[in-house]
N, C-alpha and C. Protein backbone atom coordinates (compact mmCIF):
# COMPACT_ATOMS: atom_id res chain seq x y z
N MET A 1 133.70 152.30 71.46
CA MET A 1 134.32 151.67 72.42
C MET A 1 134.82 150.34 71.93
N PRO A 2 136.29 150.19 72.18
CA PRO A 2 136.88 148.73 72.00
C PRO A 2 136.33 147.49 72.42
N GLN A 3 136.38 146.52 71.71
CA GLN A 3 135.85 145.40 71.83
C GLN A 3 136.98 144.72 72.96
N ARG A 4 136.43 144.38 74.02
CA ARG A 4 137.22 143.74 74.93
C ARG A 4 137.44 141.81 74.53
N PHE A 5 138.50 141.08 74.97
CA PHE A 5 138.78 139.89 74.51
C PHE A 5 139.49 139.41 76.01
N GLY A 6 139.52 137.90 76.03
CA GLY A 6 139.65 137.62 77.17
C GLY A 6 138.75 137.35 78.22
N ARG A 7 139.05 137.69 79.62
CA ARG A 7 138.07 137.91 81.09
C ARG A 7 137.26 138.76 80.80
N PRO A 8 136.18 138.51 81.07
CA PRO A 8 135.22 139.47 81.48
C PRO A 8 135.67 140.57 82.39
N GLY A 9 135.01 141.93 82.39
CA GLY A 9 135.35 142.50 83.39
C GLY A 9 134.21 142.58 84.68
N LEU A 10 134.56 143.35 85.79
CA LEU A 10 133.70 143.17 86.53
C LEU A 10 132.08 143.09 86.54
N LEU A 11 131.70 144.19 85.69
CA LEU A 11 130.41 144.25 85.37
C LEU A 11 129.81 143.17 84.81
N GLY A 12 130.70 141.97 83.77
CA GLY A 12 130.43 140.99 82.99
C GLY A 12 130.11 139.81 84.20
N THR A 13 131.01 140.14 85.23
CA THR A 13 131.03 138.74 86.07
C THR A 13 130.05 139.15 87.59
N ILE A 14 129.90 139.91 87.69
CA ILE A 14 128.71 140.11 88.51
C ILE A 14 127.74 139.96 87.75
N ALA A 15 126.85 140.31 86.27
CA ALA A 15 125.92 139.77 85.71
C ALA A 15 125.86 138.25 85.22
N ARG A 16 126.98 137.54 84.69
CA ARG A 16 126.98 136.45 84.75
C ARG A 16 126.58 135.65 85.86
N THR A 17 127.16 136.08 87.44
CA THR A 17 126.82 135.62 88.31
C THR A 17 125.50 135.44 88.48
N ALA A 18 124.64 136.93 88.48
CA ALA A 18 123.46 136.75 88.80
C ALA A 18 122.83 135.95 87.65
N VAL A 19 122.87 135.93 86.68
CA VAL A 19 121.97 134.95 86.13
C VAL A 19 121.97 133.44 86.31
N ILE A 20 123.40 132.99 86.70
CA ILE A 20 123.39 131.36 87.25
C ILE A 20 123.02 131.39 88.47
N SER A 21 122.98 132.41 89.50
CA SER A 21 122.39 132.18 90.52
C SER A 21 120.90 132.28 90.52
N GLY A 22 120.00 133.02 89.58
CA GLY A 22 118.69 132.98 89.49
C GLY A 22 118.36 131.56 88.73
N THR A 23 119.17 131.53 87.74
CA THR A 23 118.89 129.72 87.62
C THR A 23 118.75 128.85 88.10
N ALA A 24 119.51 128.83 89.23
CA ALA A 24 119.76 127.71 90.36
C ALA A 24 118.58 127.76 91.34
N THR A 25 118.15 128.95 91.32
CA THR A 25 117.29 129.26 92.18
C THR A 25 116.06 128.91 91.80
N ALA A 26 115.58 128.86 90.47
CA ALA A 26 114.55 128.72 90.14
C ALA A 26 114.57 126.82 89.78
N VAL A 27 115.62 125.97 89.36
CA VAL A 27 115.37 124.88 89.53
C VAL A 27 115.28 124.43 90.52
N SER A 28 116.15 125.09 91.94
CA SER A 28 116.08 124.29 93.07
C SER A 28 114.07 124.27 93.71
N ASN A 29 113.67 125.23 93.18
CA ASN A 29 112.29 125.57 93.96
C ASN A 29 111.89 124.67 92.51
N ARG A 30 112.00 124.36 91.61
CA ARG A 30 110.92 123.57 91.29
C ARG A 30 111.43 122.05 91.29
N VAL A 31 112.22 121.78 91.83
CA VAL A 31 112.38 120.42 92.09
C VAL A 31 111.96 120.18 93.37
N GLU A 32 112.15 121.12 94.29
CA GLU A 32 111.34 121.22 95.75
C GLU A 32 109.93 120.68 95.29
N GLU A 33 109.24 121.85 94.34
CA GLU A 33 107.86 121.81 94.23
C GLU A 33 107.32 120.21 93.91
N ARG A 34 108.14 119.57 93.09
CA ARG A 34 108.03 118.43 92.38
C ARG A 34 108.06 117.29 93.35
N GLY A 35 109.11 117.48 94.59
CA GLY A 35 109.12 116.62 95.64
C GLY A 35 107.82 116.89 96.82
N LEU A 36 107.42 117.81 96.85
CA LEU A 36 106.52 117.97 97.69
C LEU A 36 105.04 117.69 97.11
N ARG A 37 104.93 117.70 95.54
CA ARG A 37 103.49 117.04 95.30
C ARG A 37 103.78 115.35 95.19
N ARG A 38 104.85 114.87 94.78
CA ARG A 38 105.10 113.49 95.14
C ARG A 38 104.93 113.00 96.27
N ARG A 39 105.40 113.54 97.69
CA ARG A 39 105.12 113.49 98.86
C ARG A 39 103.70 113.30 99.36
N GLU A 40 102.86 113.89 98.94
CA GLU A 40 101.78 114.51 99.08
C GLU A 40 100.67 113.57 98.30
N ALA A 41 101.13 113.27 97.33
CA ALA A 41 100.52 112.41 96.25
C ALA A 41 100.71 110.91 97.03
N ALA A 42 102.10 110.37 97.49
CA ALA A 42 102.34 109.01 98.26
C ALA A 42 101.36 109.38 99.52
N ARG A 43 101.09 110.39 100.17
CA ARG A 43 100.50 110.45 101.35
C ARG A 43 98.96 110.05 101.19
N THR A 44 98.27 110.79 100.42
CA THR A 44 97.05 110.44 100.17
C THR A 44 96.37 109.04 99.84
N PRO A 45 95.51 108.72 100.46
CA PRO A 45 95.00 107.38 99.69
C PRO A 45 94.18 106.97 98.81
N GLN A 46 94.44 106.11 97.92
CA GLN A 46 94.00 106.03 96.75
C GLN A 46 92.38 105.41 96.89
N THR A 47 91.97 104.89 97.68
CA THR A 47 90.85 104.72 98.26
C THR A 47 90.07 105.80 98.82
N PRO A 48 88.57 105.92 98.81
CA PRO A 48 87.88 106.78 99.38
C PRO A 48 88.16 106.69 100.75
N PRO A 49 88.16 107.81 101.79
CA PRO A 49 88.40 107.65 103.46
C PRO A 49 87.13 107.22 103.87
N ALA A 50 87.11 106.14 104.58
CA ALA A 50 86.09 106.08 105.41
C ALA A 50 85.60 106.86 106.40
N PRO A 51 84.05 107.02 106.01
CA PRO A 51 83.08 107.58 107.07
C PRO A 51 83.94 107.65 108.06
N ALA A 52 83.73 109.10 108.79
CA ALA A 52 83.61 108.80 110.49
C ALA A 52 83.14 108.71 111.26
N PRO A 53 83.06 107.79 112.44
CA PRO A 53 81.96 107.29 113.03
C PRO A 53 81.09 108.45 113.93
N GLY A 54 79.66 108.07 113.44
CA GLY A 54 78.76 108.50 113.61
C GLY A 54 78.23 108.64 115.22
N PRO A 55 77.68 109.56 115.82
CA PRO A 55 77.12 109.54 117.14
C PRO A 55 76.87 108.11 117.43
N ALA A 56 77.19 107.78 118.78
CA ALA A 56 77.00 106.52 119.63
C ALA A 56 75.41 106.46 120.03
N PRO A 57 75.02 105.31 120.07
CA PRO A 57 73.42 105.26 120.58
C PRO A 57 73.41 105.64 122.43
N ALA A 58 72.57 106.86 122.55
CA ALA A 58 72.65 106.89 124.17
C ALA A 58 72.16 105.51 124.77
N SER A 59 72.80 105.11 125.59
CA SER A 59 72.58 103.90 126.80
C SER A 59 72.76 104.34 128.00
N SER A 60 71.96 103.83 128.92
CA SER A 60 72.22 104.30 130.35
C SER A 60 73.21 103.53 131.04
N ALA A 61 73.67 102.14 130.19
CA ALA A 61 74.54 101.46 130.94
C ALA A 61 76.15 101.44 130.02
N PRO A 62 77.07 101.59 131.13
CA PRO A 62 78.16 102.03 130.36
C PRO A 62 78.74 100.80 129.84
N ALA A 63 78.87 100.56 128.99
CA ALA A 63 79.50 99.72 127.50
C ALA A 63 81.03 99.44 127.54
N GLY A 64 81.74 98.64 128.20
CA GLY A 64 83.23 98.88 128.20
C GLY A 64 83.86 98.66 127.34
N PRO A 65 84.02 97.11 126.90
CA PRO A 65 84.42 96.67 125.40
C PRO A 65 83.94 97.05 124.41
N ASP A 66 82.62 97.89 124.37
CA ASP A 66 82.19 98.76 123.08
C ASP A 66 83.17 99.95 123.09
N ARG A 67 83.53 100.23 124.18
CA ARG A 67 83.76 101.61 123.96
C ARG A 67 85.46 101.43 123.74
N VAL A 68 85.90 100.46 124.25
CA VAL A 68 87.38 100.03 123.95
C VAL A 68 87.65 99.67 122.47
N ALA A 69 86.02 99.12 121.70
CA ALA A 69 86.28 98.94 120.45
C ALA A 69 86.33 100.23 119.07
N GLN A 70 85.36 101.07 119.82
CA GLN A 70 85.49 102.55 119.28
C GLN A 70 86.63 103.57 119.29
N LEU A 71 87.45 103.48 120.90
CA LEU A 71 88.63 104.20 120.85
C LEU A 71 89.36 103.26 119.90
N THR A 72 89.65 102.22 119.62
CA THR A 72 90.36 101.35 119.04
C THR A 72 90.17 101.97 117.70
N GLN A 73 89.01 101.76 116.82
CA GLN A 73 88.76 101.97 115.58
C GLN A 73 88.90 103.48 115.72
N LEU A 74 88.70 104.29 116.57
CA LEU A 74 88.95 105.91 116.39
C LEU A 74 90.52 106.31 116.30
N ALA A 75 91.31 105.40 116.89
CA ALA A 75 92.83 105.37 116.86
C ALA A 75 93.61 105.14 115.49
N ASP A 76 92.56 103.70 114.81
CA ASP A 76 93.23 103.60 113.57
C ASP A 76 92.84 104.61 112.59
N LEU A 77 91.98 105.19 112.83
CA LEU A 77 91.53 106.16 111.70
C LEU A 77 92.43 107.51 111.84
N LYS A 78 92.98 107.75 113.19
CA LYS A 78 93.85 108.60 113.47
C LYS A 78 95.45 108.55 112.57
N ASN A 79 95.56 107.15 112.95
CA ASN A 79 97.00 106.53 112.51
C ASN A 79 97.16 106.61 111.26
N GLN A 80 95.86 106.60 110.28
CA GLN A 80 95.90 106.51 108.81
C GLN A 80 96.15 107.66 108.17
N GLY A 81 95.80 108.92 109.24
CA GLY A 81 95.64 110.18 108.70
C GLY A 81 94.63 110.74 108.27
N LEU A 82 93.28 109.94 108.70
CA LEU A 82 91.91 110.18 108.40
C LEU A 82 91.37 111.43 109.01
N LEU A 83 91.79 111.57 109.99
CA LEU A 83 91.26 112.36 111.20
C LEU A 83 92.36 113.18 111.48
N THR A 84 92.14 114.53 112.23
CA THR A 84 93.15 115.63 112.56
C THR A 84 93.19 115.15 114.40
N ASP A 85 94.09 116.05 114.81
CA ASP A 85 94.24 115.76 115.98
C ASP A 85 92.89 116.27 116.91
N GLU A 86 92.45 117.24 116.50
CA GLU A 86 90.99 117.95 117.14
C GLU A 86 89.88 117.03 116.76
N GLU A 87 89.73 116.84 115.92
CA GLU A 87 88.80 115.31 115.51
C GLU A 87 88.77 114.26 116.36
N PHE A 88 90.21 113.56 116.69
CA PHE A 88 90.27 112.90 117.58
C PHE A 88 89.88 113.00 118.96
N ALA A 89 90.62 113.94 119.42
CA ALA A 89 90.07 114.42 120.86
C ALA A 89 88.64 114.55 120.94
N THR A 90 87.84 115.26 119.97
CA THR A 90 86.25 115.69 120.24
C THR A 90 85.67 113.99 120.30
N GLU A 91 86.02 113.19 119.52
CA GLU A 91 85.21 111.78 119.22
C GLU A 91 85.74 111.13 120.63
N LYS A 92 86.84 111.06 121.11
CA LYS A 92 87.12 110.43 122.07
C LYS A 92 86.75 111.27 123.61
N ALA A 93 86.07 112.08 123.25
CA ALA A 93 85.79 113.12 124.73
C ALA A 93 84.38 112.72 124.38
N ARG A 94 83.74 111.99 122.98
CA ARG A 94 82.07 111.83 122.98
C ARG A 94 81.95 110.44 123.41
N ILE A 95 83.07 109.66 123.10
CA ILE A 95 82.70 108.46 123.62
C ILE A 95 82.83 108.05 124.73
N LEU A 96 84.34 108.68 125.49
CA LEU A 96 83.86 108.24 126.72
C LEU A 96 83.15 109.30 127.86
N GLY A 97 82.39 110.29 127.21
CA GLY A 97 81.09 110.62 127.90
C GLY A 97 81.87 111.89 128.86
N SER A 98 82.78 112.62 128.53
CA SER A 98 83.39 113.35 129.05
C SER A 98 83.04 115.09 128.37
């Protein structure tokens, strides 16, 4: 078979395009994964998370300011990303006695 010179034929163009496309996809995926790891590392706190508030002592009299302080602390933990929405709702219900 004679050797071609000049522009590649249809199969050569398809093969070259496939190689370039595969390489671009692989590079794009690696860049995206690296970005996700960096964002995740930036989101996680460098200090160990504070323990979740324990059960409140049972009392017969409602403590208004004490509940407000507990709810404020609970909201701060949620805003810091240390509590999920479910954990927040569970603890809030426990504090409010519902």
